């Protein structure tokens, strides 16, 4: 029922904030309920759901917008949300012994710094380097505040082991590639080749299918046997798929994107398993929230970099080349996670 852009943007902000509260709980629950190989299997089970939702969501939204109206893309979330609330009543409630305190100053600094970083990346008027610098400065202040806060949002002990900072760097780079790729391919098909929303969305189905299959196989078979090393096989498949799409063109997109999906699923399961292995139970909430925040920042960065390159050059090859380079950088970043040593 938004009557103007301001109300629509504000409502989307509330929607995003609510999603940010929900998503980290998934990782936190898996960390709390499962250990070792069982944790990998749990992540492997969730992987197909993530893969299907990543493609089904934009596809359904595009179809509703094209056939009904843009309002229908928002309205469909209402019955889905109600169904989730009803299903949540079946879960056993678990309360903390003491109610945690909210770090109001830390929350404000984190939100302000993230906003100052993200907005210049998506601003159609161009990148404002002053705002980016201000965002970095605010986040530096946030870091100092967390070291002194009585109830910090982010547990400083997370950074005592080099594995978790490596996980943050790997998450930033990987999700920049994943989100950027899922932005550039439909963009090229629609803007460059004149495809409609439905055709562009359906092109991503091989990626979703590959992600679903490899997530399950990685969780059930590969990670229990080979451990975190499966991450590198996943990133190799992802890079190979991007390079295949770059070299062979649009005609190769179905199988090249399927290869990318196989790589994504083969990376995410061992990646999150290895990252959570380095987190103590008391750090789970902070770790899950921070991983999710960096994941969202990486997605925004990917859309800005890869999407911006495509719009600036009119060539998908440039954006795909950068995506391949970022995938290689992610492989370098997660090397500390490949050791078997946890916390």
Protein backbone atom coordinates (compact mmCIF):
# COMPACT_ATOMS: atom_id res chain seq x y z
CA UNK A 1 0.00 0.00 0.00
CA UNK A 2 3.04 2.26 -0.41
CA UNK A 3 1.96 5.60 -1.85
CA UNK A 4 5.42 6.99 -2.45
CA UNK A 5 9.04 5.89 -2.77
CA UNK A 6 9.94 6.98 0.76
CA UNK A 7 7.37 4.70 2.37
CA UNK A 8 8.38 1.81 0.10
CA UNK A 9 12.06 2.21 0.98
CA UNK A 10 11.25 2.49 4.68
CA UNK A 11 9.12 -0.65 4.60
CA UNK A 12 11.86 -2.50 2.76
CA UNK A 13 14.26 -1.40 5.48
CA UNK A 14 12.01 -2.92 8.14
CA UNK A 15 11.72 -6.09 6.05
CA UNK A 16 15.49 -6.33 5.75
CA UNK A 17 15.99 -5.75 9.47
CA UNK A 18 13.54 -8.55 10.27
CA UNK A 19 15.34 -10.90 7.87
CA UNK A 20 18.63 -9.99 9.53
CA UNK A 21 17.19 -11.13 12.86
CA UNK A 22 16.06 -14.49 11.46
CA UNK A 23 18.90 -15.64 9.21
CA UNK A 24 21.71 -15.85 11.82
CA UNK A 25 19.47 -18.00 14.01
CA UNK A 26 19.66 -20.78 11.41
CA UNK A 27 23.44 -20.95 11.66
CA UNK A 28 23.27 -20.60 15.43
CA UNK A 29 20.81 -23.47 15.78
CA UNK A 30 22.95 -25.75 13.63
CA UNK A 31 26.02 -24.87 15.71
CA UNK A 32 24.14 -25.57 18.94
CA UNK A 33 22.38 -28.78 17.90
CA UNK A 34 24.95 -30.61 15.76
CA UNK A 35 28.63 -31.51 16.05
CA UNK A 36 31.25 -32.83 13.65
CA UNK A 37 29.97 -34.77 10.65
CA UNK A 38 26.36 -34.30 11.75
CA UNK A 39 26.82 -30.54 11.44
CA UNK A 40 28.06 -30.96 7.87
CA UNK A 41 25.02 -33.12 7.07
CA UNK A 42 22.69 -30.49 8.54
CA UNK A 43 24.31 -27.77 6.46
CA UNK A 44 24.10 -30.04 3.43
CA UNK A 45 20.36 -30.42 4.00
CA UNK A 46 19.82 -26.67 4.26
CA UNK A 47 21.97 -26.04 1.17
CA UNK A 48 19.36 -27.25 -1.35
CA UNK A 49 16.75 -25.05 0.33
CA UNK A 50 19.06 -22.04 0.05
CA UNK A 51 19.82 -22.84 -3.57
CA UNK A 52 16.18 -23.19 -4.55
CA UNK A 53 15.14 -20.05 -2.69
CA UNK A 54 17.96 -18.00 -4.22
CA UNK A 55 16.57 -18.65 -7.69
CA UNK A 56 12.89 -19.24 -6.99
CA UNK A 57 12.52 -15.94 -5.11
CA UNK A 58 13.69 -13.61 -7.91
CA UNK A 59 11.93 -15.77 -10.52
CA UNK A 60 8.61 -15.72 -8.65
CA UNK A 61 8.98 -12.01 -7.98
CA UNK A 62 9.64 -11.33 -11.65
CA UNK A 63 6.69 -13.43 -12.79
CA UNK A 64 4.31 -11.74 -10.33
CA UNK A 65 5.55 -8.30 -11.32
CA UNK A 66 5.18 -9.09 -15.02
CA UNK A 67 1.79 -10.82 -14.83
CA UNK A 68 0.07 -9.04 -11.90
CA UNK A 69 1.86 -6.00 -10.44
CA UNK A 70 4.91 -5.13 -8.38
CA UNK A 71 2.71 -5.12 -5.27
CA UNK A 72 2.05 -8.84 -5.70
CA UNK A 73 5.77 -9.54 -5.25
CA UNK A 74 5.48 -8.14 -1.72
CA UNK A 75 2.02 -9.51 -0.93
CA UNK A 76 3.10 -13.12 -1.51
CA UNK A 77 5.39 -12.84 1.52
CA UNK A 78 2.42 -12.40 3.88
CA UNK A 79 1.02 -15.97 3.71
CA UNK A 80 4.56 -17.36 3.64
CA UNK A 81 5.42 -15.44 6.80
CA UNK A 82 2.26 -16.60 8.54
CA UNK A 83 3.06 -20.21 7.63
CA UNK A 84 6.53 -19.86 9.15
CA UNK A 85 5.08 -18.39 12.36
CA UNK A 86 2.67 -21.31 12.67
CA UNK A 87 5.44 -23.84 12.02
CA UNK A 88 7.67 -22.14 14.61
CA UNK A 89 5.18 -23.11 17.32
CA UNK A 90 6.29 -26.71 16.82
CA UNK A 91 9.87 -25.90 17.88
CA UNK A 92 11.00 -26.33 21.46
CA UNK A 93 11.66 -22.97 23.07
CA UNK A 94 15.06 -22.45 24.65
CA UNK A 95 15.67 -19.41 26.84
CA UNK A 96 18.99 -18.09 28.08
CA UNK A 97 19.61 -18.23 31.82
CA UNK A 98 20.10 -14.47 31.87
CA UNK A 99 18.67 -11.91 29.47
CA UNK A 100 21.51 -10.42 27.40
CA UNK A 101 21.96 -6.65 27.38
CA UNK A 102 21.72 -4.72 24.13
CA UNK A 103 24.77 -2.69 23.20
CA UNK A 104 22.91 0.39 21.94
CA UNK A 105 26.04 2.37 21.06
CA UNK A 106 27.57 -0.59 19.27
CA UNK A 107 24.35 -1.22 17.35
CA UNK A 108 24.22 2.41 16.20
CA UNK A 109 27.88 2.39 15.15
CA UNK A 110 27.52 -0.90 13.26
CA UNK A 111 24.36 0.21 11.45
CA UNK A 112 25.80 3.63 10.63
CA UNK A 113 29.12 2.27 9.38
CA UNK A 114 27.48 -0.43 7.27
CA UNK A 115 25.05 2.08 5.79
CA UNK A 116 27.85 4.49 4.90
CA UNK A 117 29.68 1.64 3.17
CA UNK A 118 26.72 0.18 1.29
CA UNK A 119 24.97 3.32 0.06
CA UNK A 120 27.86 4.65 -2.07
CA UNK A 121 28.18 1.22 -3.70
CA UNK A 122 24.58 1.21 -4.93
CA UNK A 123 24.11 4.96 -5.51
CA UNK A 124 23.29 5.45 -9.22
CA UNK A 125 24.94 8.87 -9.09
CA UNK A 126 28.34 7.21 -8.67
CA UNK A 127 30.64 6.13 -5.88
CA UNK A 128 31.06 8.72 -3.13
CA UNK A 129 34.53 8.04 -1.76
CA UNK A 130 33.98 10.43 1.13
CA UNK A 131 31.07 8.36 2.42
CA UNK A 132 33.06 5.16 1.96
CA UNK A 133 35.92 6.60 4.00
CA UNK A 134 33.47 7.74 6.67
CA UNK A 135 31.98 4.24 6.77
CA UNK A 136 35.39 2.68 7.32
CA UNK A 137 36.15 5.22 10.05
CA UNK A 138 32.87 4.51 11.85
CA UNK A 139 33.49 0.76 11.72
CA UNK A 140 36.98 1.28 13.15
CA UNK A 141 35.40 3.18 16.04
CA UNK A 142 32.92 0.30 16.36
CA UNK A 143 35.83 -2.14 16.66
CA UNK A 144 37.45 -0.13 19.45
CA UNK A 145 34.10 0.18 21.22
CA UNK A 146 33.55 -3.59 21.11
CA UNK A 147 36.84 -4.20 22.90
CA UNK A 148 35.67 -2.07 25.82
CA UNK A 149 31.90 -2.70 25.89
CA UNK A 150 30.41 -4.59 28.83
CA UNK A 151 28.08 -6.57 26.52
CA UNK A 152 29.58 -6.33 23.02
CA UNK A 153 27.64 -7.21 19.88
CA UNK A 154 30.70 -9.03 18.56
CA UNK A 155 32.77 -11.14 20.93
CA UNK A 156 36.40 -9.94 20.58
CA UNK A 157 37.56 -13.49 21.33
CA UNK A 158 36.37 -14.51 17.85
CA UNK A 159 39.45 -12.85 16.41
CA UNK A 160 41.90 -14.67 18.66
CA UNK A 161 41.99 -17.52 16.15
CA UNK A 162 43.04 -16.62 12.61
CA UNK A 163 40.49 -19.07 11.21
CA UNK A 164 37.47 -16.85 11.89
CA UNK A 165 38.87 -13.68 10.27
CA UNK A 166 39.73 -15.90 7.30
CA UNK A 167 36.10 -17.05 7.26
CA UNK A 168 34.92 -13.44 7.15
CA UNK A 169 37.24 -12.63 4.24
CA UNK A 170 36.21 -15.77 2.38
CA UNK A 171 32.52 -15.03 2.96
CA UNK A 172 32.89 -11.48 1.65
CA UNK A 173 34.62 -12.61 -1.55
CA UNK A 174 32.53 -15.71 -2.23
CA UNK A 175 29.16 -14.03 -1.81
CA UNK A 176 30.36 -11.11 -3.92
CA UNK A 177 30.92 -13.63 -6.72
CA UNK A 178 27.68 -15.54 -6.12
CA UNK A 179 25.40 -12.51 -5.92
CA UNK A 180 27.20 -10.62 -8.67
CA UNK A 181 26.94 -13.58 -11.03
CA UNK A 182 23.22 -13.96 -10.34
CA UNK A 183 22.85 -10.25 -11.12
CA UNK A 184 24.93 -10.04 -14.30
CA UNK A 185 23.51 -13.09 -16.12
CA UNK A 186 19.84 -11.96 -16.06
CA UNK A 187 20.96 -8.39 -16.72
CA UNK A 188 22.84 -9.43 -19.84
CA UNK A 189 19.92 -11.50 -21.10
CA UNK A 190 17.39 -8.71 -20.51
CA UNK A 191 19.37 -5.62 -21.46
CA UNK A 192 21.73 -7.14 -23.99
CA UNK A 193 19.55 -9.75 -25.70
CA UNK A 194 16.03 -8.47 -25.02
CA UNK A 195 14.86 -11.50 -23.02
CA UNK A 196 11.83 -11.15 -20.75
CA UNK A 197 11.92 -11.52 -16.97
CA UNK A 198 10.74 -15.13 -17.04
CA UNK A 199 13.37 -16.28 -19.53
CA UNK A 200 16.14 -14.51 -17.61
CA UNK A 201 15.00 -16.09 -14.36
CA UNK A 202 14.72 -19.59 -15.81
CA UNK A 203 18.31 -19.33 -17.03
CA UNK A 204 19.43 -19.53 -13.40
CA UNK A 205 17.65 -22.83 -12.75
CA UNK A 206 20.71 -24.97 -13.69
CA UNK A 207 22.73 -23.02 -11.12
CA UNK A 208 20.10 -23.67 -8.46
CA UNK A 209 19.91 -27.36 -9.33
CA UNK A 210 23.69 -27.73 -9.21
CA UNK A 211 23.87 -25.96 -5.85
CA UNK A 212 21.13 -28.16 -4.39
CA UNK A 213 22.74 -31.41 -5.53
CA UNK A 214 26.29 -30.58 -4.50
CA UNK A 215 25.23 -29.18 -1.10
CA UNK A 216 23.59 -32.46 -0.21
CA UNK A 217 26.44 -34.61 -1.54
CA UNK A 218 29.05 -32.45 0.17
CA UNK A 219 27.28 -32.62 3.52
CA UNK A 220 26.45 -36.32 3.40
CA UNK A 221 29.57 -37.73 1.72
CA UNK A 222 32.43 -35.39 0.89
CA UNK A 223 32.95 -33.29 4.03
CA UNK A 224 32.86 -36.27 6.45
CA UNK A 225 35.56 -37.94 4.33
CA UNK A 226 37.74 -35.07 3.08
CA UNK A 227 36.97 -32.24 5.49
CA UNK A 228 37.46 -28.57 4.70
CA UNK A 229 39.57 -29.33 1.63
CA UNK A 230 36.32 -29.74 -0.31
CA UNK A 231 36.12 -25.92 -0.25
CA UNK A 232 38.91 -25.66 -2.80
CA UNK A 233 37.30 -28.18 -5.14
CA UNK A 234 34.12 -26.12 -4.95
CA UNK A 235 35.89 -22.87 -5.77
CA UNK A 236 37.73 -24.59 -8.63
CA UNK A 237 34.40 -25.73 -10.10
CA UNK A 238 32.95 -22.24 -9.65
CA UNK A 239 35.92 -20.63 -11.39
CA UNK A 240 35.79 -23.19 -14.21
CA UNK A 241 32.09 -22.50 -14.74
CA UNK A 242 32.63 -18.74 -14.89
CA UNK A 243 35.52 -19.13 -17.34
CA UNK A 244 33.42 -21.49 -19.48
CA UNK A 245 30.63 -18.91 -19.65
CA UNK A 246 33.19 -16.23 -20.46
CA UNK A 247 34.83 -18.23 -23.25
CA UNK A 248 31.82 -19.93 -24.85
CA UNK A 249 29.22 -17.18 -24.48
CA UNK A 250 25.48 -17.26 -23.88
CA UNK A 251 24.98 -20.60 -25.61
CA UNK A 252 27.03 -22.30 -22.89
CA UNK A 253 25.20 -20.65 -19.99
CA UNK A 254 23.00 -23.63 -19.00
CA UNK A 255 25.84 -26.09 -18.40
CA UNK A 256 28.33 -23.42 -17.30
CA UNK A 257 25.90 -22.16 -14.66
CA UNK A 258 25.21 -25.74 -13.56
CA UNK A 259 28.96 -26.09 -13.03
CA UNK A 260 28.97 -22.84 -11.05
CA UNK A 261 26.12 -24.16 -8.90
CA UNK A 262 27.97 -27.40 -8.21
CA UNK A 263 30.94 -25.34 -7.09
CA UNK A 264 28.86 -23.07 -4.87
CA UNK A 265 27.27 -25.97 -3.02
CA UNK A 266 30.57 -27.79 -2.68
CA UNK A 267 32.06 -24.64 -1.12
CA UNK A 268 29.36 -23.46 1.26
CA UNK A 269 28.91 -26.68 3.28
CA UNK A 270 32.59 -27.24 4.21
CA UNK A 271 33.08 -23.49 4.57
CA UNK A 272 30.38 -22.99 7.19
CA UNK A 273 31.31 -26.27 8.88
CA UNK A 274 34.94 -25.18 9.22
CA UNK A 275 33.97 -21.68 10.34
CA UNK A 276 31.59 -22.96 13.04
CA UNK A 277 34.20 -25.46 14.26
CA UNK A 278 36.27 -22.45 15.34
CA UNK A 279 33.48 -20.90 17.39
CA UNK A 280 32.82 -21.60 21.07
CA UNK A 281 29.17 -22.06 22.14
CA UNK A 282 29.16 -18.67 23.88
CA UNK A 283 30.36 -17.01 20.66
CA UNK A 284 27.75 -18.59 18.38
CA UNK A 285 25.36 -15.64 18.28
CA UNK A 286 28.09 -13.12 17.51
CA UNK A 287 29.68 -15.39 14.92
CA UNK A 288 26.41 -16.12 13.11
CA UNK A 289 25.41 -12.46 13.06
CA UNK A 290 28.81 -11.32 11.84
CA UNK A 291 28.96 -13.98 9.12
CA UNK A 292 25.52 -12.93 7.91
CA UNK A 293 26.44 -9.24 7.94
CA UNK A 294 29.60 -9.87 5.92
CA UNK A 295 27.64 -12.12 3.56
CA UNK A 296 25.17 -9.30 2.86
CA UNK A 297 27.99 -6.80 2.43
CA UNK A 298 29.69 -9.17 0.00
CA UNK A 299 26.47 -9.50 -1.98
CA UNK A 300 26.14 -5.73 -2.21
CA UNK A 301 29.77 -5.43 -3.24
CA UNK A 302 29.28 -8.09 -5.94
CA UNK A 303 26.24 -6.35 -7.39
CA UNK A 304 28.06 -3.02 -7.39
CA UNK A 305 31.30 -4.32 -8.90
CA UNK A 306 30.09 -6.92 -11.40
CA UNK A 307 26.83 -5.16 -12.23
CA UNK A 308 28.59 -1.81 -12.48
CA UNK A 309 31.23 -3.25 -14.80
CA UNK A 310 28.57 -4.70 -17.09
CA UNK A 311 26.59 -1.46 -17.22
CA UNK A 312 29.76 0.57 -17.71
CA UNK A 313 31.26 -1.54 -20.49
CA UNK A 314 28.21 -3.24 -21.97
CA UNK A 315 30.16 -6.51 -21.93
CA UNK A 316 29.50 -9.41 -19.60
CA UNK A 317 32.99 -10.79 -20.24
CA UNK A 318 34.60 -8.06 -18.12
CA UNK A 319 32.27 -8.71 -15.20
CA UNK A 320 32.71 -12.49 -15.49
CA UNK A 321 36.48 -12.09 -15.54
CA UNK A 322 36.35 -10.13 -12.30
CA UNK A 323 34.08 -12.81 -10.83
CA UNK A 324 36.63 -15.51 -11.64
CA UNK A 325 39.39 -13.41 -10.04
CA UNK A 326 37.33 -12.94 -6.87
CA UNK A 327 36.72 -16.70 -6.68
CA UNK A 328 40.48 -17.31 -6.81
CA UNK A 329 40.97 -14.65 -4.11
CA UNK A 330 38.38 -16.44 -1.95
CA UNK A 331 40.39 -19.66 -2.25
CA UNK A 332 43.48 -17.86 -0.97
CA UNK A 333 41.51 -16.23 1.86
CA UNK A 334 40.13 -19.49 3.29
CA UNK A 335 43.46 -21.35 3.43
CA UNK A 336 43.62 -20.95 7.26
CA UNK A 337 40.26 -22.76 7.49
CA UNK A 338 41.63 -25.87 5.80
CA UNK A 339 43.48 -27.05 8.90
CA UNK A 340 41.66 -29.52 11.14
CA UNK A 341 42.40 -27.48 14.23
CA UNK A 342 39.30 -25.85 15.74
CA UNK A 343 38.86 -23.86 18.94
